[in-house]
Amino acid sequence: MSYPSTRILALLELLQTYPGLTGAELADRLGVDPRTLRRYTERLIELGIPVTATRGRHGGYRLMPGYKLPPLMFTDAEAVAVTLGLLAARHIGLSTVESAADLALAKLRRVLPDAVRDQAGALEASLGFTLRATGSVSAAPSTPVLLTLSEAVAARRRVALTYTSWRGEDSRRELDPYGIVFHSGRWYVTGHDHRSGERRTFRLDRIATARLGEAEFDAPGDFDPVAQIIGSLAAVPYRWECEVVLETTLDEARAALPRAIGEFSSTGAGVLLRVRAEDLGGMARMLAGLGWAFTVRRPAELRAAVRELADRLSGYAGTD
């Protein structure tokens, strides 16, 4: 049974989440008639919650601007969803150096009902991840840097950065940031670097300070920050450049392999995969595990690594 008090709280939740809904829309979502809805809004006003209503084409109910809402209330399912998100963020490094995920989890545990808190604790204790944990605080950005860059991307405003290169060299740069990407346990920002006059990618954990400027910019309409950052990282020198033709379709290859592994393109024989690698033994094991026939175009050393792996597996199969 849904009691009036429950529906009043549901009305408050709707006003917080969807300001501007009409009376008919609110009544429909709550399953009441318009007259009952007016009683509910009057009850909220009696409780000191300022609900306003405007007439006209764009009218509707909303809370008075600037009103400080009471603490958030979660259902059991919502509390579990937030807990899962925080646990995953902490595990893969999707956080900042301030350990915000840990602090948020601690606060959430304190306010959860006993039964839900016990269930969330059991979930945390039993949950496993197939994604590798970063475990590296040094790779996490500072919260002010992340928030400043996010604001700059959204507002299309230039930022002034203090940056330390991988060589330990400090520099000051002005950047028009096009996007922020979290990739393989690290945060990156990409955009137009005014010092070099080119598009560049920077690791956020190497940015000491970020200050929002007044200058505005126009980002390229077809710019893909993820593709740019993956391309930038792929350009980092590796020992081996490999080309392998996989006897499969482009869709199947992209579904089975991470986007960041290399470049995919269709050929008459299947899919051409271009990869840069340090360890050809690991490359051979990866190819063998795909389950598709393949042809190594280059280097010859990768063909040798595949043959060596095949001989070793053949030896294992012949062992009693």
C-alpha atoms as a PDB file:
ATOM      1  CA  MET A   1       0.000   0.000   0.000  1.00  0.00           C
ATOM      2  CA  SER A   2       1.250   3.524  -0.809  1.00  0.00           C
ATOM      3  CA  TYR A   3       0.467   5.895   2.076  1.00  0.00           C
ATOM      4  CA  PRO A   4       0.053   9.687   1.622  1.00  0.00           C
ATOM      5  CA  SER A   5       3.331  10.347   3.454  1.00  0.00           C
ATOM      6  CA  THR A   6       5.133   8.059   1.020  1.00  0.00           C
ATOM      7  CA  ARG A   7       3.620   9.866  -1.926  1.00  0.00           C
ATOM      8  CA  ILE A   8       4.523  13.256  -0.460  1.00  0.00           C
ATOM      9  CA  LEU A   9       8.138  12.137  -0.207  1.00  0.00           C
ATOM     10  CA  ALA A  10       7.888  10.816  -3.761  1.00  0.00           C
ATOM     11  CA  LEU A  11       6.598  14.244  -4.859  1.00  0.00           C
ATOM     12  CA  LEU A  12       9.593  15.906  -3.208  1.00  0.00           C
ATOM     13  CA  GLU A  13      11.893  13.487  -5.050  1.00  0.00           C
ATOM     14  CA  LEU A  14      10.215  14.328  -8.370  1.00  0.00           C
ATOM     15  CA  LEU A  15      10.542  18.063  -7.735  1.00  0.00           C
ATOM     16  CA  GLN A  16      14.244  17.626  -7.016  1.00  0.00           C
ATOM     17  CA  THR A  17      14.889  15.443 -10.049  1.00  0.00           C
ATOM     18  CA  TYR A  18      12.504  16.890 -12.654  1.00  0.00           C
ATOM     19  CA  PRO A  19      11.831  20.577 -11.903  1.00  0.00           C
ATOM     20  CA  GLY A  20       9.138  22.073 -14.106  1.00  0.00           C
ATOM     21  CA  LEU A  21       6.809  19.089 -14.448  1.00  0.00           C
ATOM     22  CA  THR A  22       3.201  20.128 -14.890  1.00  0.00           C
ATOM     23  CA  GLY A  23       0.502  19.275 -12.399  1.00  0.00           C
ATOM     24  CA  ALA A  24      -0.932  16.673 -14.765  1.00  0.00           C
ATOM     25  CA  GLU A  25       2.503  15.049 -15.216  1.00  0.00           C
ATOM     26  CA  LEU A  26       3.154  14.944 -11.465  1.00  0.00           C
ATOM     27  CA  ALA A  27      -0.304  13.565 -10.729  1.00  0.00           C
ATOM     28  CA  ASP A  28       0.151  10.877 -13.362  1.00  0.00           C
ATOM     29  CA  ARG A  29       3.540   9.795 -11.978  1.00  0.00           C
ATOM     30  CA  LEU A  30       2.194   9.646  -8.434  1.00  0.00           C
ATOM     31  CA  GLY A  31      -1.054   7.924  -9.448  1.00  0.00           C
ATOM     32  CA  VAL A  32      -3.311  10.590  -7.903  1.00  0.00           C
ATOM     33  CA  ASP A  33      -5.795  13.156  -9.197  1.00  0.00           C
ATOM     34  CA  PRO A  34      -4.891  16.880  -9.586  1.00  0.00           C
ATOM     35  CA  ARG A  35      -6.856  17.837  -6.464  1.00  0.00           C
ATOM     36  CA  THR A  36      -4.852  15.385  -4.338  1.00  0.00           C
ATOM     37  CA  LEU A  37      -1.626  16.674  -5.878  1.00  0.00           C
ATOM     38  CA  ARG A  38      -2.506  20.211  -4.764  1.00  0.00           C
ATOM     39  CA  ARG A  39      -3.019  18.908  -1.205  1.00  0.00           C
ATOM     40  CA  TYR A  40       0.426  17.272  -1.316  1.00  0.00           C
ATOM     41  CA  THR A  41       2.101  20.471  -2.483  1.00  0.00           C
ATOM     42  CA  GLU A  42       0.311  22.414   0.248  1.00  0.00           C
ATOM     43  CA  ARG A  43       1.597  19.867   2.780  1.00  0.00           C
ATOM     44  CA  LEU A  44       5.172  20.380   1.575  1.00  0.00           C
ATOM     45  CA  ILE A  45       4.733  24.140   1.923  1.00  0.00           C
ATOM     46  CA  GLU A  46       3.444  23.649   5.494  1.00  0.00           C
ATOM     47  CA  LEU A  47       6.621  21.673   6.214  1.00  0.00           C
ATOM     48  CA  GLY A  48       8.710  24.659   5.131  1.00  0.00           C
ATOM     49  CA  ILE A  49       9.607  23.399   1.666  1.00  0.00           C
ATOM     50  CA  PRO A  50       8.964  26.251  -0.803  1.00  0.00           C
ATOM     51  CA  VAL A  51       7.126  24.792  -3.807  1.00  0.00           C
ATOM     52  CA  THR A  52       6.275  27.287  -6.528  1.00  0.00           C
ATOM     53  CA  ALA A  53       3.940  26.920  -9.489  1.00  0.00           C
ATOM     54  CA  THR A  54       3.989  28.916 -12.714  1.00  0.00           C
ATOM     55  CA  ARG A  55       1.291  29.041 -15.365  1.00  0.00           C
ATOM     56  CA  GLY A  56       1.607  29.107 -19.124  1.00  0.00           C
ATOM     57  CA  ARG A  57       3.142  27.000 -21.852  1.00  0.00           C
ATOM     58  CA  HIS A  58       6.391  26.471 -19.971  1.00  0.00           C
ATOM     59  CA  GLY A  59       4.858  26.467 -16.515  1.00  0.00           C
ATOM     60  CA  GLY A  60       5.069  23.779 -13.893  1.00  0.00           C
ATOM     61  CA  TYR A  61       5.954  22.965 -10.306  1.00  0.00           C
ATOM     62  CA  ARG A  62       9.446  23.453  -8.949  1.00  0.00           C
ATOM     63  CA  LEU A  63      11.316  24.185  -5.730  1.00  0.00           C
ATOM     64  CA  MET A  64      12.274  27.799  -5.089  1.00  0.00           C
ATOM     65  CA  PRO A  65      15.760  28.554  -6.536  1.00  0.00           C
ATOM     66  CA  GLY A  66      18.493  28.445  -3.905  1.00  0.00           C
ATOM     67  CA  TYR A  67      16.545  26.277  -1.521  1.00  0.00           C
ATOM     68  CA  LYS A  68      18.827  23.892   0.384  1.00  0.00           C
ATOM     69  CA  LEU A  69      17.369  20.422   0.062  1.00  0.00           C
ATOM     70  CA  PRO A  70      17.423  17.933   2.946  1.00  0.00           C
ATOM     71  CA  PRO A  71      19.976  15.100   2.925  1.00  0.00           C
ATOM     72  CA  LEU A  72      19.693  12.595   0.092  1.00  0.00           C
ATOM     73  CA  MET A  73      17.556   9.544   0.656  1.00  0.00           C
ATOM     74  CA  PHE A  74      18.423   6.294  -1.121  1.00  0.00           C
ATOM     75  CA  THR A  75      16.342   3.217  -1.713  1.00  0.00           C
ATOM     76  CA  ASP A  76      18.083  -0.123  -1.076  1.00  0.00           C
ATOM     77  CA  ALA A  77      18.735  -0.570  -4.800  1.00  0.00           C
ATOM     78  CA  GLU A  78      20.104   2.970  -5.157  1.00  0.00           C
ATOM     79  CA  ALA A  79      22.423   2.486  -2.160  1.00  0.00           C
ATOM     80  CA  VAL A  80      23.785  -0.727  -3.680  1.00  0.00           C
ATOM     81  CA  ALA A  81      24.275   1.013  -7.052  1.00  0.00           C
ATOM     82  CA  VAL A  82      26.253   3.851  -5.427  1.00  0.00           C
ATOM     83  CA  THR A  83      28.321   1.366  -3.405  1.00  0.00           C
ATOM     84  CA  LEU A  84      29.158  -0.632  -6.534  1.00  0.00           C
ATOM     85  CA  GLY A  85      30.187   2.509  -8.384  1.00  0.00           C
ATOM     86  CA  LEU A  86      32.468   3.663  -5.587  1.00  0.00           C
ATOM     87  CA  LEU A  87      34.056   0.220  -5.198  1.00  0.00           C
ATOM     88  CA  ALA A  88      34.756   0.009  -8.929  1.00  0.00           C
ATOM     89  CA  ALA A  89      36.137   3.555  -9.019  1.00  0.00           C
ATOM     90  CA  ARG A  90      38.497   2.784  -6.158  1.00  0.00           C
ATOM     91  CA  HIS A  91      39.649  -0.484  -7.749  1.00  0.00           C
ATOM     92  CA  ILE A  92      40.497   0.791 -11.229  1.00  0.00           C
ATOM     93  CA  GLY A  93      41.850   4.157 -10.101  1.00  0.00           C
ATOM     94  CA  LEU A  94      38.896   6.260 -11.276  1.00  0.00           C
ATOM     95  CA  SER A  95      39.447   8.676  -8.411  1.00  0.00           C
ATOM     96  CA  THR A  96      41.728  11.478  -7.282  1.00  0.00           C
ATOM     97  CA  VAL A  97      44.630  11.678  -4.853  1.00  0.00           C
ATOM     98  CA  GLU A  98      42.268  12.852  -2.117  1.00  0.00           C
ATOM     99  CA  SER A  99      40.821   9.304  -1.867  1.00  0.00           C
ATOM    100  CA  ALA A 100      37.327  10.678  -2.362  1.00  0.00           C
ATOM    101  CA  ALA A 101      35.933   7.225  -3.123  1.00  0.00           C
ATOM    102  CA  ASP A 102      37.080   5.879   0.267  1.00  0.00           C
ATOM    103  CA  LEU A 103      35.667   8.891   2.118  1.00  0.00           C
ATOM    104  CA  ALA A 104      32.348   8.657   0.271  1.00  0.00           C
ATOM    105  CA  LEU A 105      32.093   4.932   1.034  1.00  0.00           C
ATOM    106  CA  ALA A 106      32.730   5.595   4.728  1.00  0.00           C
ATOM    107  CA  LYS A 107      30.026   8.283   4.823  1.00  0.00           C
ATOM    108  CA  LEU A 108      27.580   6.062   2.972  1.00  0.00           C
ATOM    109  CA  ARG A 109      28.154   3.199   5.417  1.00  0.00           C
ATOM    110  CA  ARG A 110      27.407   5.487   8.368  1.00  0.00           C
ATOM    111  CA  VAL A 111      23.965   6.496   7.119  1.00  0.00           C
ATOM    112  CA  LEU A 112      22.739   3.217   5.634  1.00  0.00           C
ATOM    113  CA  PRO A 113      20.191   1.185   7.596  1.00  0.00           C
ATOM    114  CA  ASP A 114      21.766  -1.768   9.416  1.00  0.00           C
ATOM    115  CA  ALA A 115      20.359  -4.396   7.069  1.00  0.00           C
ATOM    116  CA  VAL A 116      21.460  -2.566   3.898  1.00  0.00           C
ATOM    117  CA  ARG A 117      24.872  -1.773   5.412  1.00  0.00           C
ATOM    118  CA  ASP A 118      25.421  -5.455   6.191  1.00  0.00           C
ATOM    119  CA  GLN A 119      24.408  -6.425   2.664  1.00  0.00           C
ATOM    120  CA  ALA A 120      26.722  -3.792   1.173  1.00  0.00           C
ATOM    121  CA  GLY A 121      29.565  -5.045   3.375  1.00  0.00           C
ATOM    122  CA  ALA A 122      28.973  -8.609   2.226  1.00  0.00           C
ATOM    123  CA  LEU A 123      28.976  -7.402  -1.372  1.00  0.00           C
ATOM    124  CA  GLU A 124      32.280  -5.586  -0.884  1.00  0.00           C
ATOM    125  CA  ALA A 125      33.862  -8.628   0.752  1.00  0.00           C
ATOM    126  CA  SER A 126      32.764 -11.018  -1.982  1.00  0.00           C
ATOM    127  CA  LEU A 127      33.136  -8.829  -5.062  1.00  0.00           C
ATOM    128  CA  GLY A 128      35.901  -9.603  -7.550  1.00  0.00           C
ATOM    129  CA  PHE A 129      37.102  -7.665 -10.585  1.00  0.00           C
ATOM    130  CA  THR A 130      38.582  -8.887 -13.839  1.00  0.00           C
ATOM    131  CA  LEU A 131      39.970  -5.419 -14.553  1.00  0.00           C
ATOM    132  CA  ARG A 132      43.451  -4.934 -13.163  1.00  0.00           C
ATOM    133  CA  ALA A 133      43.663  -2.728 -10.091  1.00  0.00           C
ATOM    134  CA  THR A 134      45.949   0.257 -10.487  1.00  0.00           C
ATOM    135  CA  GLY A 135      46.890   0.552  -6.829  1.00  0.00           C
ATOM    136  CA  SER A 136      48.870   3.670  -7.735  1.00  0.00           C
ATOM    137  CA  VAL A 137      48.033   6.922  -5.985  1.00  0.00           C
ATOM    138  CA  SER A 138      50.830   8.600  -7.948  1.00  0.00           C
ATOM    139  CA  ALA A 139      48.802   8.184 -11.157  1.00  0.00           C
ATOM    140  CA  ALA A 140      45.748   9.947  -9.713  1.00  0.00           C
ATOM    141  CA  PRO A 141      45.162  13.636 -10.446  1.00  0.00           C
ATOM    142  CA  SER A 142      44.349  16.220  -7.828  1.00  0.00           C
ATOM    143  CA  THR A 143      40.684  17.056  -7.481  1.00  0.00           C
ATOM    144  CA  PRO A 144      41.111  20.813  -8.207  1.00  0.00           C
ATOM    145  CA  VAL A 145      43.005  20.028 -11.424  1.00  0.00           C
ATOM    146  CA  LEU A 146      40.360  17.547 -12.608  1.00  0.00           C
ATOM    147  CA  LEU A 147      37.465  19.897 -11.805  1.00  0.00           C
ATOM    148  CA  THR A 148      39.137  22.930 -13.399  1.00  0.00           C
ATOM    149  CA  LEU A 149      39.861  21.034 -16.604  1.00  0.00           C
ATOM    150  CA  SER A 150      36.325  19.633 -16.687  1.00  0.00           C
ATOM    151  CA  GLU A 151      34.903  23.138 -16.369  1.00  0.00           C
ATOM    152  CA  ALA A 152      37.245  24.390 -19.088  1.00  0.00           C
ATOM    153  CA  VAL A 153      36.163  21.628 -21.488  1.00  0.00           C
ATOM    154  CA  ALA A 154      32.478  22.316 -20.866  1.00  0.00           C
ATOM    155  CA  ALA A 155      32.817  26.122 -21.114  1.00  0.00           C
ATOM    156  CA  ARG A 156      35.369  26.045 -23.990  1.00  0.00           C
ATOM    157  CA  ARG A 157      37.823  28.214 -22.045  1.00  0.00           C
ATOM    158  CA  ARG A 158      41.601  28.174 -22.122  1.00  0.00           C
ATOM    159  CA  VAL A 159      43.577  26.987 -19.076  1.00  0.00           C
ATOM    160  CA  ALA A 160      47.049  27.759 -17.816  1.00  0.00           C
ATOM    161  CA  LEU A 161      48.925  24.631 -16.697  1.00  0.00           C
ATOM    162  CA  THR A 162      52.036  23.884 -14.701  1.00  0.00           C
ATOM    163  CA  TYR A 163      53.246  20.590 -16.139  1.00  0.00           C
ATOM    164  CA  THR A 164      56.090  18.166 -15.382  1.00  0.00           C
ATOM    165  CA  SER A 165      57.260  15.990 -18.284  1.00  0.00           C
ATOM    166  CA  TRP A 166      58.355  12.360 -17.982  1.00  0.00           C
ATOM    167  CA  ARG A 167      61.930  13.674 -17.940  1.00  0.00           C
ATOM    168  CA  GLY A 168      61.142  15.742 -14.836  1.00  0.00           C
ATOM    169  CA  GLU A 169      61.221  19.044 -16.712  1.00  0.00           C
ATOM    170  CA  ASP A 170      58.734  21.689 -15.511  1.00  0.00           C
ATOM    171  CA  SER A 171      56.938  23.956 -17.967  1.00  0.00           C
ATOM    172  CA  ARG A 172      54.060  26.419 -18.132  1.00  0.00           C
ATOM    173  CA  ARG A 173      51.545  25.920 -20.896  1.00  0.00           C
ATOM    174  CA  GLU A 174      48.312  27.343 -22.201  1.00  0.00           C
ATOM    175  CA  LEU A 175      45.882  24.702 -23.409  1.00  0.00           C
ATOM    176  CA  ASP A 176      42.536  24.723 -25.177  1.00  0.00           C
ATOM    177  CA  PRO A 177      41.207  21.451 -23.687  1.00  0.00           C
ATOM    178  CA  TYR A 178      38.967  19.440 -26.019  1.00  0.00           C
ATOM    179  CA  GLY A 179      38.289  16.465 -23.746  1.00  0.00           C
ATOM    180  CA  ILE A 180      39.293  14.350 -20.743  1.00  0.00           C
ATOM    181  CA  VAL A 181      39.714  10.579 -20.965  1.00  0.00           C
ATOM    182  CA  PHE A 182      40.361   7.869 -18.363  1.00  0.00           C
ATOM    183  CA  HIS A 183      42.408   5.131 -20.040  1.00  0.00           C
ATOM    184  CA  SER A 184      44.247   2.120 -18.587  1.00  0.00           C
ATOM    185  CA  GLY A 185      44.318   3.490 -15.056  1.00  0.00           C
ATOM    186  CA  ARG A 186      45.393   7.032 -15.956  1.00  0.00           C
ATOM    187  CA  TRP A 187      43.686  10.369 -16.660  1.00  0.00           C
ATOM    188  CA  TYR A 188      44.545  12.364 -19.779  1.00  0.00           C
ATOM    189  CA  VAL A 189      43.531  15.705 -21.249  1.00  0.00           C
ATOM    190  CA  THR A 190      43.915  16.511 -24.925  1.00  0.00           C
ATOM    191  CA  GLY A 191      43.611  19.733 -26.862  1.00  0.00           C
ATOM    192  CA  HIS A 192      45.493  22.528 -28.606  1.00  0.00           C
ATOM    193  CA  ASP A 193      48.777  23.360 -26.864  1.00  0.00           C
ATOM    194  CA  HIS A 194      49.718  26.985 -27.585  1.00  0.00           C
ATOM    195  CA  ARG A 195      53.351  26.425 -26.693  1.00  0.00           C
ATOM    196  CA  SER A 196      53.904  23.857 -29.459  1.00  0.00           C
ATOM    197  CA  GLY A 197      51.083  25.017 -31.716  1.00  0.00           C
ATOM    198  CA  GLU A 198      49.883  21.408 -32.019  1.00  0.00           C
ATOM    199  CA  ARG A 199      47.336  19.035 -30.527  1.00  0.00           C
ATOM    200  CA  ARG A 200      48.909  17.428 -27.511  1.00  0.00           C
ATOM    201  CA  THR A 201      47.986  14.962 -24.782  1.00  0.00           C
ATOM    202  CA  PHE A 202      48.925  15.484 -21.129  1.00  0.00           C
ATOM    203  CA  ARG A 203      48.678  13.198 -18.109  1.00  0.00           C
ATOM    204  CA  LEU A 204      46.642  14.805 -15.358  1.00  0.00           C
ATOM    205  CA  ASP A 205      48.796  13.410 -12.546  1.00  0.00           C
ATOM    206  CA  ARG A 206      51.715  15.423 -13.977  1.00  0.00           C
ATOM    207  CA  ILE A 207      49.740  18.676 -13.876  1.00  0.00           C
ATOM    208  CA  ALA A 208      50.568  20.538 -10.658  1.00  0.00           C
ATOM    209  CA  THR A 209      48.180  23.449 -11.171  1.00  0.00           C
ATOM    210  CA  ALA A 210      45.419  24.363 -13.604  1.00  0.00           C
ATOM    211  CA  ARG A 211      43.952  27.870 -13.740  1.00  0.00           C
ATOM    212  CA  LEU A 212      40.859  28.760 -15.744  1.00  0.00           C
ATOM    213  CA  GLY A 213      41.420  31.681 -18.106  1.00  0.00           C
ATOM    214  CA  GLU A 214      39.073  34.128 -19.818  1.00  0.00           C
ATOM    215  CA  ALA A 215      39.958  33.331 -23.448  1.00  0.00           C
ATOM    216  CA  GLU A 216      37.436  31.124 -25.239  1.00  0.00           C
ATOM    217  CA  PHE A 217      37.978  28.703 -28.117  1.00  0.00           C
ATOM    218  CA  ASP A 218      36.050  26.614 -30.638  1.00  0.00           C
ATOM    219  CA  ALA A 219      36.763  22.889 -30.574  1.00  0.00           C
ATOM    220  CA  PRO A 220      36.742  20.949 -33.868  1.00  0.00           C
ATOM    221  CA  GLY A 221      33.237  19.638 -34.451  1.00  0.00           C
ATOM    222  CA  ASP A 222      34.335  16.113 -35.365  1.00  0.00           C
ATOM    223  CA  PHE A 223      37.047  15.784 -32.719  1.00  0.00           C
ATOM    224  CA  ASP A 224      37.142  12.472 -30.812  1.00  0.00           C
ATOM    225  CA  PRO A 225      39.152  12.806 -27.567  1.00  0.00           C
ATOM    226  CA  VAL A 226      39.307   9.028 -27.039  1.00  0.00           C
ATOM    227  CA  ALA A 227      40.700   8.397 -30.526  1.00  0.00           C
ATOM    228  CA  GLN A 228      43.179  11.257 -30.140  1.00  0.00           C
ATOM    229  CA  ILE A 229      44.540   9.971 -26.845  1.00  0.00           C
ATOM    230  CA  ILE A 230      44.746   6.360 -28.019  1.00  0.00           C
ATOM    231  CA  GLY A 231      46.522   7.552 -31.148  1.00  0.00           C
ATOM    232  CA  SER A 232      48.954   9.632 -29.097  1.00  0.00           C
ATOM    233  CA  LEU A 233      49.795   6.704 -26.851  1.00  0.00           C
ATOM    234  CA  ALA A 234      50.114   4.375 -29.838  1.00  0.00           C
ATOM    235  CA  ALA A 235      52.759   6.705 -31.269  1.00  0.00           C
ATOM    236  CA  VAL A 236      55.025   6.072 -28.285  1.00  0.00           C
ATOM    237  CA  PRO A 237      58.012   4.067 -29.604  1.00  0.00           C
ATOM    238  CA  TYR A 238      57.949   0.293 -29.027  1.00  0.00           C
ATOM    239  CA  ARG A 239      60.489  -2.309 -29.978  1.00  0.00           C
ATOM    240  CA  TRP A 240      58.323  -4.161 -32.497  1.00  0.00           C
ATOM    241  CA  GLU A 241      55.758  -3.032 -35.060  1.00  0.00           C
ATOM    242  CA  CYS A 242      53.509  -5.948 -35.962  1.00  0.00           C
ATOM    243  CA  GLU A 243      51.014  -6.527 -38.753  1.00  0.00           C
ATOM    244  CA  VAL A 244      48.708  -9.547 -38.547  1.00  0.00           C
ATOM    245  CA  VAL A 245      45.756 -10.516 -40.741  1.00  0.00           C
ATOM    246  CA  LEU A 246      42.940 -12.063 -38.676  1.00  0.00           C
ATOM    247  CA  GLU A 247      40.452 -14.295 -40.484  1.00  0.00           C
ATOM    248  CA  THR A 248      37.346 -12.700 -38.989  1.00  0.00           C
ATOM    249  CA  THR A 249      35.114  -9.680 -39.466  1.00  0.00           C
ATOM    250  CA  LEU A 250      35.837  -6.137 -38.357  1.00  0.00           C
ATOM    251  CA  ASP A 251      32.913  -6.170 -35.903  1.00  0.00           C
ATOM    252  CA  GLU A 252      34.069  -9.437 -34.302  1.00  0.00           C
ATOM    253  CA  ALA A 253      37.646  -8.187 -34.009  1.00  0.00           C
ATOM    254  CA  ARG A 254      36.566  -4.948 -32.342  1.00  0.00           C
ATOM    255  CA  ALA A 255      34.275  -6.845 -29.976  1.00  0.00           C
ATOM    256  CA  ALA A 256      37.019  -9.273 -28.901  1.00  0.00           C
ATOM    257  CA  LEU A 257      39.953  -6.870 -28.665  1.00  0.00           C
ATOM    258  CA  PRO A 258      40.266  -3.592 -26.749  1.00  0.00           C
ATOM    259  CA  ARG A 259      40.139  -0.469 -28.857  1.00  0.00           C
ATOM    260  CA  ALA A 260      43.497   0.690 -27.526  1.00  0.00           C
ATOM    261  CA  ILE A 261      45.423  -2.379 -28.702  1.00  0.00           C
ATOM    262  CA  GLY A 262      46.084  -0.966 -32.162  1.00  0.00           C
ATOM    263  CA  GLU A 263      44.568  -0.142 -35.536  1.00  0.00           C
ATOM    264  CA  PHE A 264      41.933  -2.292 -37.293  1.00  0.00           C
ATOM    265  CA  SER A 265      41.152  -2.198 -41.011  1.00  0.00           C
ATOM    266  CA  SER A 266      39.292  -4.489 -43.408  1.00  0.00           C
ATOM    267  CA  THR A 267      41.153  -6.445 -46.079  1.00  0.00           C
ATOM    268  CA  GLY A 268      40.094  -9.044 -48.611  1.00  0.00           C
ATOM    269  CA  ALA A 269      41.453 -11.780 -46.350  1.00  0.00           C
ATOM    270  CA  GLY A 270      39.888 -10.509 -43.112  1.00  0.00           C
ATOM    271  CA  VAL A 271      41.045  -7.818 -40.686  1.00  0.00           C
ATOM    272  CA  LEU A 272      44.475  -6.233 -40.695  1.00  0.00           C
ATOM    273  CA  LEU A 273      45.658  -5.551 -37.159  1.00  0.00           C
ATOM    274  CA  ARG A 274      48.583  -3.171 -36.657  1.00  0.00           C
ATOM    275  CA  VAL A 275      50.089  -3.367 -33.178  1.00  0.00           C
ATOM    276  CA  ARG A 276      53.185  -2.059 -31.416  1.00  0.00           C
ATOM    277  CA  ALA A 277      54.611  -4.519 -28.895  1.00  0.00           C
ATOM    278  CA  GLU A 278      57.505  -4.987 -26.512  1.00  0.00           C
ATOM    279  CA  ASP A 279      57.096  -8.725 -25.912  1.00  0.00           C
ATOM    280  CA  LEU A 280      56.582 -10.930 -28.973  1.00  0.00           C
ATOM    281  CA  GLY A 281      55.966 -13.972 -26.777  1.00  0.00           C
ATOM    282  CA  GLY A 282      53.015 -12.217 -25.197  1.00  0.00           C
ATOM    283  CA  MET A 283      51.834 -11.139 -28.625  1.00  0.00           C
ATOM    284  CA  ALA A 284      51.933 -14.755 -29.854  1.00  0.00           C
ATOM    285  CA  ARG A 285      49.922 -15.948 -26.841  1.00  0.00           C
ATOM    286  CA  MET A 286      47.329 -13.223 -27.398  1.00  0.00           C
ATOM    287  CA  LEU A 287      46.894 -14.189 -31.063  1.00  0.00           C
ATOM    288  CA  ALA A 288      46.625 -17.896 -30.227  1.00  0.00           C
ATOM    289  CA  GLY A 289      43.967 -17.197 -27.625  1.00  0.00           C
ATOM    290  CA  LEU A 290      41.661 -15.443 -30.084  1.00  0.00           C
ATOM    291  CA  GLY A 291      40.604 -18.702 -31.727  1.00  0.00           C
ATOM    292  CA  TRP A 292      40.847 -17.349 -35.287  1.00  0.00           C
ATOM    293  CA  ALA A 293      43.253 -18.349 -38.023  1.00  0.00           C
ATOM    294  CA  PHE A 294      45.758 -15.590 -38.685  1.00  0.00           C
ATOM    295  CA  THR A 295      48.743 -14.721 -40.868  1.00  0.00           C
ATOM    296  CA  VAL A 296      51.715 -12.764 -39.576  1.00  0.00           C
ATOM    297  CA  ARG A 297      52.849 -10.217 -42.156  1.00  0.00           C
ATOM    298  CA  ARG A 298      55.677  -8.799 -40.061  1.00  0.00           C
ATOM    299  CA  PRO A 299      58.024  -9.007 -38.303  1.00  0.00           C
ATOM    300  CA  ALA A 300      59.632 -12.362 -39.013  1.00  0.00           C
ATOM    301  CA  GLU A 301      60.505 -12.573 -35.315  1.00  0.00           C
ATOM    302  CA  LEU A 302      56.782 -12.747 -34.487  1.00  0.00           C
ATOM    303  CA  ARG A 303      56.409 -15.752 -36.822  1.00  0.00           C
ATOM    304  CA  ALA A 304      59.240 -17.412 -34.916  1.00  0.00           C
ATOM    305  CA  ALA A 305      57.545 -16.643 -31.598  1.00  0.00           C
ATOM    306  CA  VAL A 306      54.285 -18.200 -32.855  1.00  0.00           C
ATOM    307  CA  ARG A 307      56.135 -21.343 -34.014  1.00  0.00           C
ATOM    308  CA  GLU A 308      57.906 -21.606 -30.665  1.00  0.00           C
ATOM    309  CA  LEU A 309      54.581 -21.331 -28.838  1.00  0.00           C
ATOM    310  CA  ALA A 310      53.016 -23.981 -31.124  1.00  0.00           C
ATOM    311  CA  ASP A 311      55.912 -26.382 -30.493  1.00  0.00           C
ATOM    312  CA  ARG A 312      55.636 -25.857 -26.750  1.00  0.00           C
ATOM    313  CA  LEU A 313      51.878 -26.472 -26.756  1.00  0.00           C
ATOM    314  CA  SER A 314      52.360 -29.554 -28.940  1.00  0.00           C
ATOM    315  CA  GLY A 315      54.848 -30.861 -26.399  1.00  0.00           C
ATOM    316  CA  TYR A 316      52.371 -30.300 -23.578  1.00  0.00           C
ATOM    317  CA  ALA A 317      49.702 -32.232 -25.491  1.00  0.00           C
ATOM    318  CA  GLY A 318      52.003 -35.223 -25.912  1.00  0.00           C
ATOM    319  CA  THR A 319      52.853 -35.435 -22.212  1.00  0.00           C
ATOM    320  CA  ASP A 320      51.114 -38.178 -20.189  1.00  0.00           C
END
